[in-house]
């Protein structure tokens, strides 16, 4: 095996020792830079957030203005009841939830006016969305008709099953509004609103939940006999 040549420098030290110290110093510098970068990223992240709201604007830079209607955990003071701009990234995941099932979609499927659930990171300079789910706000509810307020045009329905956020509303009482465009039927025959009288009978109701959480009835089937 060939021996390494060791040439002494002006200080009387072998050159190979100098090279070793240079290599060690390089490793220390790289580690320090990586550690500093890690601290910088950690400092830039203020908190993670989970929220729900209505999309009020879709911007050209692929960000969204969202009116926050609900938030849990961190960010309550910053976001609750506000309209904020939320940035997206190439890695942001988009879903659409219909009848309780998630389907992967793209950013192009997020229009103004939809309700969305979002998860992301608040930094010192922006709110960044990592995950977004579009909620279909149309509903089909089967339940029992409990009460009515003719002045406010409201029915109270004890929900057995709901296609809209079933994990929250199944088994709950929900107040729903009717109007001039609502269709009432019973036994296949169209009825007037005042002919639909609560009596714990089974009903099937379809409609849409508005931006402000109002359940608007499109059709109500009185004395429903299906599942």
Protein backbone atom coordinates (compact mmCIF):
# COMPACT_ATOMS: atom_id res chain seq x y z
CA UNK A 1 0.00 0.00 0.00
CA UNK A 2 1.36 3.42 -0.98
CA UNK A 3 2.09 5.74 1.91
CA UNK A 4 0.63 9.23 2.08
CA UNK A 5 3.23 11.94 1.69
CA UNK A 6 3.34 14.31 4.60
CA UNK A 7 4.74 17.73 3.76
CA UNK A 8 5.40 20.12 6.60
CA UNK A 9 4.13 23.64 6.27
CA UNK A 10 5.70 26.78 7.70
CA UNK A 11 4.37 25.98 11.16
CA UNK A 12 5.97 22.58 11.23
CA UNK A 13 2.60 20.77 10.94
CA UNK A 14 1.79 18.14 8.38
CA UNK A 15 -0.49 19.31 5.53
CA UNK A 16 -2.82 16.30 5.93
CA UNK A 17 -3.65 17.49 9.45
CA UNK A 18 -4.59 20.93 8.05
CA UNK A 19 -6.89 19.27 5.53
CA UNK A 20 -8.59 17.34 8.32
CA UNK A 21 -9.28 20.50 10.29
CA UNK A 22 -10.70 22.20 7.19
CA UNK A 23 -13.06 19.25 6.68
CA UNK A 24 -14.20 19.34 10.31
CA UNK A 25 -14.77 23.10 10.14
CA UNK A 26 -16.85 22.62 6.99
CA UNK A 27 -19.08 20.08 8.71
CA UNK A 28 -19.59 22.43 11.68
CA UNK A 29 -20.57 25.31 9.35
CA UNK A 30 -23.07 23.15 7.44
CA UNK A 31 -24.63 21.90 10.69
CA UNK A 32 -24.91 25.45 12.01
CA UNK A 33 -26.60 26.64 8.81
CA UNK A 34 -29.08 23.75 8.91
CA UNK A 35 -29.82 24.40 12.59
CA UNK A 36 -30.37 28.11 11.92
CA UNK A 37 -32.69 27.31 9.01
CA UNK A 38 -34.65 24.98 11.26
CA UNK A 39 -35.00 27.67 13.92
CA UNK A 40 -36.06 30.20 11.26
CA UNK A 41 -38.80 27.90 9.93
CA UNK A 42 -40.01 27.15 13.46
CA UNK A 43 -40.08 30.84 14.36
CA UNK A 44 -42.01 31.70 11.17
CA UNK A 45 -44.78 29.22 12.04
CA UNK A 46 -47.07 30.91 14.56
CA UNK A 47 -49.65 28.12 14.83
CA UNK A 48 -51.66 25.50 12.97
CA UNK A 49 -55.34 26.24 12.34
CA UNK A 50 -58.53 24.29 11.59
CA UNK A 51 -61.47 26.38 10.39
CA UNK A 52 -64.64 26.51 8.32
CA UNK A 53 -66.06 29.33 6.21
CA UNK A 54 -67.50 30.64 2.97
CA UNK A 55 -65.35 31.47 -0.08
CA UNK A 56 -66.00 35.13 -0.94
CA UNK A 57 -63.36 35.57 -3.64
CA UNK A 58 -61.02 33.47 -5.79
CA UNK A 59 -57.82 35.37 -6.57
CA UNK A 60 -55.52 35.16 -9.60
CA UNK A 61 -52.56 34.04 -7.45
CA UNK A 62 -54.48 30.88 -6.41
CA UNK A 63 -55.39 32.26 -3.02
CA UNK A 64 -58.89 32.52 -1.56
CA UNK A 65 -60.68 35.13 0.51
CA UNK A 66 -62.70 33.18 3.08
CA UNK A 67 -65.26 34.46 5.58
CA UNK A 68 -64.58 32.38 8.69
CA UNK A 69 -67.72 31.07 10.37
CA UNK A 70 -66.16 28.58 12.77
CA UNK A 71 -62.71 27.86 14.17
CA UNK A 72 -61.39 25.65 16.93
CA UNK A 73 -58.12 25.75 18.83
CA UNK A 74 -55.37 28.18 17.82
CA UNK A 75 -56.24 31.24 15.78
CA UNK A 76 -59.63 31.99 17.36
CA UNK A 77 -58.67 35.59 18.19
CA UNK A 78 -57.18 36.19 14.72
CA UNK A 79 -59.72 34.48 12.49
CA UNK A 80 -63.14 34.09 14.09
CA UNK A 81 -65.75 36.24 12.32
CA UNK A 82 -63.20 37.73 9.91
CA UNK A 83 -62.55 37.60 6.17
CA UNK A 84 -58.95 36.66 5.43
CA UNK A 85 -56.85 35.77 2.40
CA UNK A 86 -55.55 32.19 2.47
CA UNK A 87 -52.69 31.16 0.21
CA UNK A 88 -52.34 27.71 -1.33
CA UNK A 89 -49.29 25.68 -2.36
CA UNK A 90 -48.65 23.16 -5.15
CA UNK A 91 -48.90 20.46 -2.44
CA UNK A 92 -52.26 21.69 -1.09
CA UNK A 93 -54.87 18.90 -1.20
CA UNK A 94 -58.45 19.61 -2.32
CA UNK A 95 -61.52 17.46 -1.68
CA UNK A 96 -65.27 17.71 -2.17
CA UNK A 97 -67.59 16.10 0.35
CA UNK A 98 -70.94 14.89 -0.94
CA UNK A 99 -73.32 12.74 1.11
CA UNK A 100 -70.58 12.20 3.68
CA UNK A 101 -67.94 10.97 1.20
CA UNK A 102 -64.73 12.74 0.15
CA UNK A 103 -63.65 12.91 -3.49
CA UNK A 104 -60.31 14.37 -4.60
CA UNK A 105 -60.72 17.51 -6.75
CA UNK A 106 -58.52 20.40 -7.95
CA UNK A 107 -58.32 24.08 -7.10
CA UNK A 108 -60.51 24.80 -10.16
CA UNK A 109 -63.42 23.12 -8.34
CA UNK A 110 -63.49 25.77 -5.60
CA UNK A 111 -65.93 28.57 -6.67
CA UNK A 112 -67.16 31.64 -4.84
CA UNK A 113 -69.99 30.93 -2.41
CA UNK A 114 -69.12 27.38 -1.36
CA UNK A 115 -68.60 26.32 2.22
CA UNK A 116 -65.12 24.93 2.90
CA UNK A 117 -63.26 23.33 5.76
CA UNK A 118 -59.56 24.22 5.86
CA UNK A 119 -56.42 23.18 7.69
CA UNK A 120 -53.17 25.06 7.48
CA UNK A 121 -50.39 27.08 9.01
CA UNK A 122 -50.31 30.71 10.12
CA UNK A 123 -46.90 32.26 9.52
CA UNK A 124 -45.69 35.78 10.28
CA UNK A 125 -46.67 36.88 6.77
CA UNK A 126 -49.57 34.70 5.59
CA UNK A 127 -52.20 32.05 6.22
CA UNK A 128 -51.27 28.97 4.19
CA UNK A 129 -53.81 26.23 3.44
CA UNK A 130 -52.47 22.67 3.38
CA UNK A 131 -55.87 20.91 3.09
CA UNK A 132 -59.26 22.12 1.85
CA UNK A 133 -62.60 20.31 1.67
CA UNK A 134 -65.63 21.66 -0.20
CA UNK A 135 -68.91 20.92 1.54
CA UNK A 136 -71.97 20.38 -0.65
CA UNK A 137 -74.64 22.40 1.16
CA UNK A 138 -77.61 20.76 -0.47
CA UNK A 139 -79.38 18.37 1.90
CA UNK A 140 -81.80 15.48 2.00
CA UNK A 141 -83.20 14.85 5.46
CA UNK A 142 -85.51 12.13 6.74
CA UNK A 143 -86.98 12.71 10.18
CA UNK A 144 -90.09 13.58 12.15
CA UNK A 145 -92.00 16.87 12.01
CA UNK A 146 -92.02 18.33 15.53
CA UNK A 147 -93.22 21.93 15.42
CA UNK A 148 -94.06 24.91 13.19
CA UNK A 149 -93.94 28.70 13.46
CA UNK A 150 -96.22 30.11 10.74
CA UNK A 151 -95.11 33.70 11.42
CA UNK A 152 -91.44 32.90 10.83
CA UNK A 153 -92.26 30.17 8.29
CA UNK A 154 -90.18 27.63 10.18
CA UNK A 155 -90.54 23.90 10.74
CA UNK A 156 -88.64 22.02 13.41
CA UNK A 157 -87.52 18.58 12.23
CA UNK A 158 -86.00 15.87 14.41
CA UNK A 159 -83.39 14.54 12.00
CA UNK A 160 -82.98 10.79 11.64
CA UNK A 161 -80.62 10.92 8.64
CA UNK A 162 -79.05 13.85 6.81
CA UNK A 163 -76.82 13.92 3.75
CA UNK A 164 -75.44 17.26 4.93
CA UNK A 165 -72.86 16.77 7.67
CA UNK A 166 -74.53 13.67 9.10
CA UNK A 167 -72.01 13.33 11.91
CA UNK A 168 -73.27 16.59 13.37
CA UNK A 169 -76.98 16.64 12.54
CA UNK A 170 -78.17 13.03 12.67
CA UNK A 171 -80.23 12.71 15.85
CA UNK A 172 -80.57 16.49 16.31
CA UNK A 173 -83.49 18.93 15.99
CA UNK A 174 -83.03 21.35 13.09
CA UNK A 175 -85.10 24.43 12.28
CA UNK A 176 -85.85 24.75 8.56
CA UNK A 177 -87.44 27.62 6.64
CA UNK A 178 -90.00 27.44 3.86
CA UNK A 179 -91.20 30.05 1.39
CA UNK A 180 -93.13 30.70 -1.78
CA UNK A 181 -90.92 28.36 -3.83
CA UNK A 182 -91.25 25.42 -1.43
CA UNK A 183 -93.24 22.42 -2.68
CA UNK A 184 -95.27 20.34 -0.20
CA UNK A 185 -96.69 16.92 -1.03
CA UNK A 186 -98.47 14.14 0.84
CA UNK A 187 -99.35 10.79 -0.67
CA UNK A 188 -98.21 12.09 -4.05
CA UNK A 189 -100.64 15.03 -3.88
CA UNK A 190 -99.43 18.64 -3.65
CA UNK A 191 -100.43 20.46 -0.46
CA UNK A 192 -100.38 24.00 0.89
CA UNK A 193 -97.99 24.84 3.71
CA UNK A 194 -100.79 25.25 6.25
CA UNK A 195 -102.00 21.73 5.45
CA UNK A 196 -98.74 20.25 6.71
CA UNK A 197 -99.34 20.07 10.45
CA UNK A 198 -96.68 18.72 12.84
CA UNK A 199 -97.64 15.56 14.67
CA UNK A 200 -94.42 13.54 14.92
CA UNK A 201 -95.09 12.13 11.45
CA UNK A 202 -92.23 11.04 9.20
CA UNK A 203 -91.14 13.54 6.54
CA UNK A 204 -88.52 13.80 3.83
CA UNK A 205 -87.09 17.25 3.26
CA UNK A 206 -84.70 18.51 0.56
CA UNK A 207 -83.11 21.94 0.26
CA UNK A 208 -79.97 24.02 0.64
CA UNK A 209 -78.09 25.44 3.62
CA UNK A 210 -77.39 29.12 2.89
CA UNK A 211 -74.24 31.13 3.55
CA UNK A 212 -75.59 32.10 6.97
CA UNK A 213 -76.48 28.56 8.07
CA UNK A 214 -80.17 28.82 7.19
CA UNK A 215 -81.81 25.57 6.10
CA UNK A 216 -84.10 26.51 3.19
CA UNK A 217 -86.66 23.89 2.17
CA UNK A 218 -87.12 23.09 -1.51
CA UNK A 219 -89.48 20.14 -1.08
CA UNK A 220 -91.19 18.55 1.91
CA UNK A 221 -92.86 15.15 1.63
CA UNK A 222 -95.40 14.78 4.45
CA UNK A 223 -96.20 11.34 5.87
CA UNK A 224 -93.17 9.90 4.11
CA UNK A 225 -93.19 6.09 3.91
CA UNK A 226 -89.73 5.41 2.46
CA UNK A 227 -86.41 4.84 4.18
